[in-house]
Protein backbone atom coordinates (compact mmCIF):
# COMPACT_ATOMS: atom_id res chain seq x y z
CA MET A 1 7.41 -22.50 5.77
CA ASN A 2 6.90 -19.64 8.20
CA SER A 3 5.19 -16.42 7.13
CA LEU A 4 8.36 -14.59 6.10
CA GLU A 5 9.56 -17.50 3.96
CA ARG A 6 6.10 -17.77 2.37
CA VAL A 7 5.97 -14.07 1.47
CA LYS A 8 9.53 -14.00 0.16
CA ALA A 9 8.81 -16.97 -2.10
CA ALA A 10 5.74 -15.23 -3.56
CA LEU A 11 7.61 -11.95 -4.10
CA GLU A 12 10.36 -13.90 -5.85
CA LEU A 13 7.71 -15.49 -8.12
CA LYS A 14 8.14 -18.94 -6.61
CA GLU A 15 5.53 -21.32 -5.24
CA PRO A 16 5.40 -21.31 -1.40
CA ASP A 17 3.54 -23.93 0.63
CA ARG A 18 0.38 -21.82 0.35
CA VAL A 19 -0.69 -18.44 -0.94
CA PRO A 20 0.36 -15.76 1.61
CA MET A 21 -2.08 -13.16 2.92
CA LEU A 22 -1.64 -9.49 3.72
CA GLU A 23 -3.64 -6.30 4.13
CA TRP A 24 -2.48 -2.74 3.59
CA SER A 25 -4.69 -1.62 6.48
CA LEU A 26 -7.25 -3.13 8.87
CA ASN A 27 -10.08 -1.17 10.42
CA PRO A 28 -10.20 -1.84 14.19
CA ARG A 29 -14.00 -2.05 14.21
CA VAL A 30 -13.82 -5.08 11.91
CA THR A 31 -10.96 -6.82 13.68
CA SER A 32 -12.41 -6.23 17.15
CA GLU A 33 -15.65 -7.97 16.19
CA ILE A 34 -13.61 -11.00 15.13
CA GLU A 35 -11.00 -10.92 17.91
CA PRO A 36 -12.17 -8.58 20.72
CA ASN A 37 -8.99 -9.02 22.75
CA LEU A 38 -6.52 -8.19 19.96
CA ASP A 39 -5.42 -4.84 18.62
CA VAL A 40 -4.87 -4.44 14.87
CA GLN A 41 -1.21 -5.44 14.84
CA GLU A 42 -1.85 -8.42 17.11
CA PHE A 43 -4.60 -9.45 14.71
CA MET A 44 -2.16 -9.25 11.78
CA VAL A 45 0.36 -11.37 13.65
CA LYS A 46 -2.22 -14.05 14.40
CA HIS A 47 -4.05 -14.21 11.06
CA LEU A 48 -1.86 -12.77 8.26
CA ASP A 49 1.62 -13.37 6.90
CA VAL A 50 2.59 -9.68 6.77
CA VAL A 51 2.44 -7.31 9.72
CA SER A 52 2.63 -3.67 8.73
CA THR A 53 3.01 -0.26 10.31
CA TYR A 54 3.53 3.37 9.42
CA TRP A 55 4.02 6.64 11.24
CA ALA A 56 0.82 8.35 12.32
CA ASP A 57 -0.31 10.52 15.20
CA GLU A 58 -2.91 8.39 16.97
CA GLU A 59 -4.22 11.31 19.03
CA GLN A 60 -4.91 13.41 15.93
CA ARG A 61 -6.76 10.55 14.27
CA LYS A 62 -9.26 10.43 17.15
CA LYS A 63 -10.62 13.85 16.15
CA ASP A 64 -13.20 14.64 13.45
CA PHE A 65 -10.97 17.39 12.08
CA TYR A 66 -7.25 17.72 12.58
CA VAL A 67 -4.15 19.32 11.13
CA ASP A 68 -1.45 16.79 10.36
CA GLU A 69 2.28 17.35 10.75
CA TRP A 70 2.47 18.73 7.19
CA GLY A 71 -0.04 21.46 8.05
CA ILE A 72 -2.72 19.80 5.93
CA LYS A 73 -6.19 20.06 7.49
CA ARG A 74 -8.04 16.75 7.25
CA LYS A 75 -11.48 15.41 7.99
CA PHE A 76 -11.44 12.04 9.69
CA LEU A 77 -14.12 9.74 8.27
CA GLY A 78 -13.48 6.70 10.44
CA GLN A 79 -10.87 5.03 8.28
CA ASP A 80 -7.11 5.01 8.91
CA TYR A 81 -6.58 8.41 7.34
CA GLY A 82 -8.22 11.80 7.03
CA ILE A 83 -9.35 13.39 3.78
CA PRO A 84 -7.43 16.63 2.97
CA PHE A 85 -9.60 19.71 2.53
CA GLU A 86 -7.37 22.68 3.46
CA HIS A 87 -3.78 23.05 2.30
CA PRO A 88 -0.90 25.08 3.80
CA ILE A 89 0.69 26.19 0.51
CA GLN A 90 -1.10 28.74 -1.65
CA SER A 91 1.86 30.50 -3.24
CA LYS A 92 5.61 30.38 -3.75
CA LYS A 93 5.94 32.71 -0.77
CA ASP A 94 4.15 30.16 1.41
CA LEU A 95 6.52 27.46 0.23
CA LYS A 96 9.55 29.64 0.95
CA ASN A 97 8.40 30.05 4.56
CA TYR A 98 7.29 26.42 4.97
CA THR A 99 9.09 23.97 7.26
CA PRO A 100 8.41 20.28 6.52
CA PRO A 101 8.23 17.64 9.27
CA ASP A 102 11.38 15.88 10.40
CA PRO A 103 11.41 12.23 9.18
CA LEU A 104 14.11 11.33 11.71
CA GLU A 105 12.33 12.25 14.93
CA ASP A 106 13.39 9.89 17.69
CA ASP A 107 10.03 8.21 18.29
CA ARG A 108 8.76 8.14 14.73
CA LEU A 109 9.55 4.49 14.05
CA THR A 110 8.90 3.07 17.50
CA ASN A 111 6.15 0.78 16.17
CA LEU A 112 8.48 -0.61 13.51
CA GLU A 113 11.23 -1.19 16.04
CA GLY A 114 8.81 -3.19 18.19
CA LEU A 115 7.76 -5.37 15.26
CA VAL A 116 11.39 -6.05 14.36
CA ASP A 117 12.25 -6.93 17.95
CA ASN A 118 9.31 -9.33 18.26
CA TYR A 119 8.79 -10.85 14.81
CA LYS A 120 11.91 -10.42 12.65
CA GLY A 121 12.56 -13.66 10.78
CA GLU A 122 9.07 -15.00 11.53
CA LYS A 123 6.66 -12.52 9.96
CA ALA A 124 7.22 -10.35 6.92
CA ILE A 125 7.43 -6.81 8.30
CA ALA A 126 6.20 -4.03 6.01
CA PHE A 127 6.65 -0.31 6.44
CA LEU A 128 4.04 1.84 4.68
CA LEU A 129 4.87 5.23 3.22
CA GLU A 130 4.38 7.42 0.18
CA THR A 131 7.06 8.38 -2.34
CA THR A 132 6.30 11.89 -3.51
CA PHE A 133 2.95 12.47 -5.25
CA THR A 134 0.57 12.29 -2.27
CA TYR A 135 2.20 14.92 -0.06
CA ALA A 136 3.11 17.12 -3.04
CA TRP A 137 -0.54 17.55 -4.00
CA GLY A 138 -1.65 17.46 -0.36
CA LEU A 139 0.33 20.61 0.33
CA ILE A 140 -1.47 22.68 -2.30
CA GLY A 141 -4.54 20.69 -3.40
CA MET A 142 -4.95 18.17 -6.18
CA SER A 143 -6.37 20.45 -8.87
CA GLU A 144 -3.82 23.19 -8.19
CA PHE A 145 -0.94 20.72 -8.24
CA LEU A 146 -2.05 19.23 -11.55
CA LYS A 147 -2.21 22.75 -13.00
CA LEU A 148 1.32 23.42 -11.75
CA LEU A 149 2.67 20.39 -13.60
CA ILE A 150 1.59 22.11 -16.82
CA LYS A 151 1.85 25.83 -16.06
CA ASP A 152 4.70 26.02 -13.55
CA PRO A 153 6.78 22.80 -13.49
CA PRO A 154 9.59 24.30 -11.35
CA PHE A 155 7.09 25.10 -8.57
CA ALA A 156 5.62 21.59 -8.84
CA ARG A 157 9.13 20.16 -8.71
CA GLU A 158 9.86 22.00 -5.45
CA LEU A 159 6.80 20.38 -3.88
CA LEU A 160 7.78 16.96 -5.24
CA ASP A 161 11.37 17.35 -4.02
CA LEU A 162 10.21 18.31 -0.54
CA SER A 163 7.88 15.32 -0.30
CA PHE A 164 10.41 12.90 -1.74
CA GLU A 165 13.24 13.96 0.56
CA TYR A 166 11.05 13.24 3.59
CA ASN A 167 9.89 9.82 2.38
CA TYR A 168 13.32 8.75 1.11
CA LYS A 169 14.92 9.41 4.49
CA LEU A 170 12.05 7.62 6.23
CA ALA A 171 12.36 4.57 3.94
CA LYS A 172 16.12 4.42 4.40
CA GLN A 173 15.75 4.49 8.18
CA ALA A 174 13.01 1.82 8.06
CA ILE A 175 15.32 -0.49 6.09
CA GLU A 176 18.16 0.10 8.55
CA ILE A 177 15.85 -0.81 11.44
CA GLY A 178 14.84 -4.06 9.75
CA ALA A 179 11.75 -3.69 7.53
CA ASP A 180 11.44 -6.56 5.05
CA ILE A 181 9.11 -4.68 2.67
CA ILE A 182 8.81 -1.04 1.71
CA PHE A 183 5.15 -0.66 0.81
CA CYS A 184 4.68 2.50 -1.23
CA GLY A 185 1.33 4.27 -1.46
CA ASP A 186 0.89 7.29 -3.75
CA ASP A 187 -2.31 6.50 -5.65
CA LEU A 188 -1.68 7.40 -9.29
CA ALA A 189 -4.95 6.18 -10.82
CA TYR A 190 -8.69 6.27 -10.42
CA LYS A 191 -11.28 3.85 -11.81
CA LYS A 192 -11.09 4.99 -15.43
CA GLY A 193 -7.33 5.40 -15.74
CA LEU A 194 -4.32 7.40 -14.59
CA MET A 195 -4.66 10.67 -12.68
CA ILE A 196 -1.92 12.06 -14.89
CA SER A 197 -0.82 10.97 -18.34
CA LYS A 198 1.97 8.47 -18.72
CA SER A 199 4.08 11.11 -20.48
CA THR A 200 3.61 13.46 -17.51
CA PHE A 201 4.54 10.63 -15.16
CA ASP A 202 7.69 9.90 -17.17
CA LYS A 203 8.68 13.55 -17.29
CA HIS A 204 7.97 14.65 -13.73
CA LEU A 205 7.59 11.66 -11.41
CA ARG A 206 9.36 8.55 -12.66
CA HIS A 207 12.85 9.45 -11.49
CA TYR A 208 11.62 9.76 -7.88
CA TYR A 209 10.27 6.22 -7.93
CA GLU A 210 13.43 4.92 -9.59
CA LYS A 211 15.49 6.37 -6.76
CA MET A 212 13.15 5.05 -4.06
CA ILE A 213 13.05 1.55 -5.55
CA GLY A 214 16.83 1.76 -5.89
CA LEU A 215 17.05 1.65 -2.09
CA THR A 216 15.97 -2.00 -2.20
CA LYS A 217 17.27 -3.27 -5.55
CA ASN A 218 20.69 -4.32 -4.26
CA LEU A 219 19.38 -5.78 -1.01
CA SER A 220 18.46 -9.44 -1.33
CA ASP A 221 16.31 -9.39 1.81
CA VAL A 222 14.29 -6.18 1.24
CA TYR A 223 11.41 -5.89 -1.23
CA PHE A 224 9.47 -3.01 -2.77
CA VAL A 225 5.70 -3.14 -3.34
CA LYS A 226 3.84 -0.44 -5.26
CA HIS A 227 0.27 0.28 -4.18
CA SER A 228 -2.15 2.27 -6.28
CA ASP A 229 -5.90 2.12 -6.42
CA GLY A 230 -7.68 2.46 -9.73
CA ASN A 231 -6.86 1.30 -13.24
CA PHE A 232 -3.09 1.12 -12.92
CA TRP A 233 -2.56 -1.03 -16.03
CA GLU A 234 -0.60 1.56 -18.01
CA LEU A 235 2.05 1.94 -15.30
CA ILE A 236 2.59 -1.71 -14.38
CA GLN A 237 5.29 -2.32 -16.99
CA PRO A 238 7.16 0.93 -16.18
CA PHE A 239 7.27 -0.08 -12.51
CA ILE A 240 8.44 -3.58 -13.45
CA ASP A 241 11.21 -1.96 -15.49
CA MET A 242 12.17 0.07 -12.41
CA GLY A 243 12.55 -3.14 -10.38
CA VAL A 244 9.38 -3.27 -8.28
CA ASP A 245 8.70 -6.67 -6.64
CA GLY A 246 4.92 -6.47 -6.15
CA ILE A 247 1.87 -4.60 -7.45
CA ASN A 248 -1.15 -3.96 -5.20
CA PRO A 249 -4.21 -3.90 -4.95
CA ILE A 250 -5.27 -4.68 -8.57
CA GLU A 251 -8.75 -3.23 -8.17
CA PRO A 252 -11.33 -5.35 -10.06
CA THR A 253 -14.01 -2.63 -10.20
CA ALA A 254 -11.48 -0.43 -12.02
CA GLY A 255 -11.11 -2.93 -14.84
CA MET A 256 -8.10 -4.74 -13.39
CA ASN A 257 -8.97 -8.32 -14.40
CA ILE A 258 -6.61 -10.59 -12.47
CA LYS A 259 -6.55 -13.24 -15.19
CA GLU A 260 -5.42 -10.70 -17.78
CA VAL A 261 -2.95 -9.06 -15.40
CA LYS A 262 -1.46 -12.49 -14.64
CA LYS A 263 -1.19 -13.31 -18.33
CA SER A 264 0.51 -10.01 -19.17
CA PHE A 265 2.73 -9.44 -16.13
CA GLY A 266 2.71 -12.54 -13.92
CA ASP A 267 6.14 -13.72 -15.04
CA ASP A 268 7.71 -10.43 -13.95
CA VAL A 269 6.01 -9.18 -10.80
CA CYS A 270 4.10 -10.53 -7.81
CA LEU A 271 0.38 -9.72 -7.92
CA ILE A 272 -1.22 -8.73 -4.60
CA GLY A 273 -4.95 -8.28 -4.06
CA ASN A 274 -8.02 -8.25 -6.34
CA ILE A 275 -10.57 -9.39 -3.71
CA ASP A 276 -13.26 -6.74 -4.08
CA CYS A 277 -13.89 -4.84 -0.84
CA PRO A 278 -16.57 -2.19 -1.63
CA ASP A 279 -19.12 -4.71 -2.88
CA LEU A 280 -18.08 -8.33 -2.27
CA LEU A 281 -16.60 -7.99 1.22
CA SER A 282 -19.05 -5.29 2.31
CA LYS A 283 -22.37 -6.50 0.90
CA LYS A 284 -22.27 -10.12 -0.24
CA SER A 285 -22.45 -13.41 1.66
CA PRO A 286 -19.55 -15.42 3.11
CA GLU A 287 -20.23 -18.16 0.55
CA GLN A 288 -19.90 -15.66 -2.29
CA VAL A 289 -16.63 -14.47 -0.76
CA ARG A 290 -15.29 -18.02 -0.57
CA LYS A 291 -16.16 -18.68 -4.22
CA SER A 292 -14.52 -15.44 -5.33
CA VAL A 293 -11.33 -16.17 -3.36
CA GLN A 294 -11.15 -19.66 -4.84
CA ASN A 295 -11.59 -18.24 -8.34
CA LYS A 296 -8.90 -15.57 -7.88
CA ILE A 297 -6.45 -18.15 -6.54
CA ILE A 298 -7.08 -20.44 -9.51
CA GLN A 299 -6.48 -17.54 -11.90
CA ALA A 300 -3.49 -15.86 -10.23
CA ALA A 301 -1.64 -18.30 -7.97
CA PRO A 302 -0.40 -21.17 -10.22
CA GLY A 303 3.35 -20.91 -10.69
CA GLY A 304 3.68 -18.59 -7.69
CA GLY A 305 3.76 -14.82 -7.56
CA TYR A 306 0.39 -14.17 -5.91
CA ILE A 307 -0.48 -12.82 -2.44
CA LEU A 308 -4.11 -12.79 -1.33
CA ALA A 309 -5.41 -9.37 -0.29
CA SER A 310 -8.41 -7.10 -0.68
CA SER A 311 -8.73 -4.62 -3.52
CA ASN A 312 -7.94 -1.73 -1.19
CA GLU A 313 -8.10 -2.35 2.54
CA ILE A 314 -10.33 -3.89 5.18
CA HIS A 315 -12.27 -0.68 5.79
CA SER A 316 -15.10 -0.01 8.22
CA SER A 317 -17.85 -1.21 5.86
CA VAL A 318 -16.39 -4.70 5.45
CA ARG A 319 -18.51 -7.38 7.13
CA PRO A 320 -16.40 -9.18 9.73
CA GLU A 321 -17.84 -12.57 8.72
CA ASN A 322 -16.79 -11.90 5.13
CA PHE A 323 -13.24 -11.08 6.13
CA VAL A 324 -13.15 -14.33 8.10
CA ALA A 325 -14.50 -16.20 5.05
CA MET A 326 -11.79 -14.62 2.90
CA MET A 327 -8.99 -15.72 5.22
CA GLU A 328 -10.43 -19.23 5.65
CA ALA A 329 -10.80 -19.64 1.89
CA GLY A 330 -7.24 -18.45 1.39
CA ARG A 331 -5.97 -21.23 3.61
CA LYS A 332 -8.31 -23.85 2.16
CA PHE A 333 -7.82 -23.17 -1.55
CA GLY A 334 -4.35 -21.61 -1.43
CA GLU A 335 -2.31 -24.72 -0.70
CA TYR A 336 0.17 -25.63 -3.44
CA PRO A 337 -0.07 -27.27 -5.87
CA ILE A 338 -3.11 -25.22 -6.87
CA ASN A 339 -5.94 -27.38 -8.21
């Protein structure tokens, strides 16, 4: 099997020749210590089964502070994104005068086009985006947005609509170009549970995700993966009901036990992740990493429907030797049939 065939088999809950591997994001400091002559995407092509991309302004991300295309002021902390700390919308008047970015700018998907030209049919090509929640709260601030959901739902809905329209058009264009996987961010949970209640999700957010997932449901060669950090347990079944193909990253330090997740949902959705990155990959030894990877594969991979990945991303604190140990263990212990 090549990488694309391997990933498709896992997303379709079948057993490939071995467990596939992917990462939502790779920090260049880590990859350059392993492969000094490769950039991040070249590293993905060489070592992983999925190569991913998203739109981002590389020049902005070189600065400590920057204002993104949404007008959100961010502080860059050395990862692949900046933390929002100032927001362009403070009132309904601000929103009335606000102009969102254009998702169809000519050069926005140049990276994706290059991946399709070079690797279509060989590697699984993933396009990363949000759906609606992240930019909706980013425009006004998390606490203010959560208040709006209760005190002024129409105002919250305007922010959600604006964010969704952008991401829906972007996803549609990415599919037309040739993306194999739409990889949706929008963290909806933290370590102890959901950021919003399930009833609030059902009332205000669910229909956006249904429509976004609907882009891929009737396409046999395009898949939808939902990413959310934190304890996402309560929303796994709703997303399965909506037609999602994969759930990521199944964060173990947030109570997401892969054995229990496999038992409850493994017949219905591909599980992606669960290799702890803040502690195991960042602080432990390569041998401990290898043992953990072997254990996760034994628990999650039999019968298919598992893709090896970290519990968030390969961030700047990950030890390069531990990431190497993770990938080597994936190849060693991930061959089917799983022992």
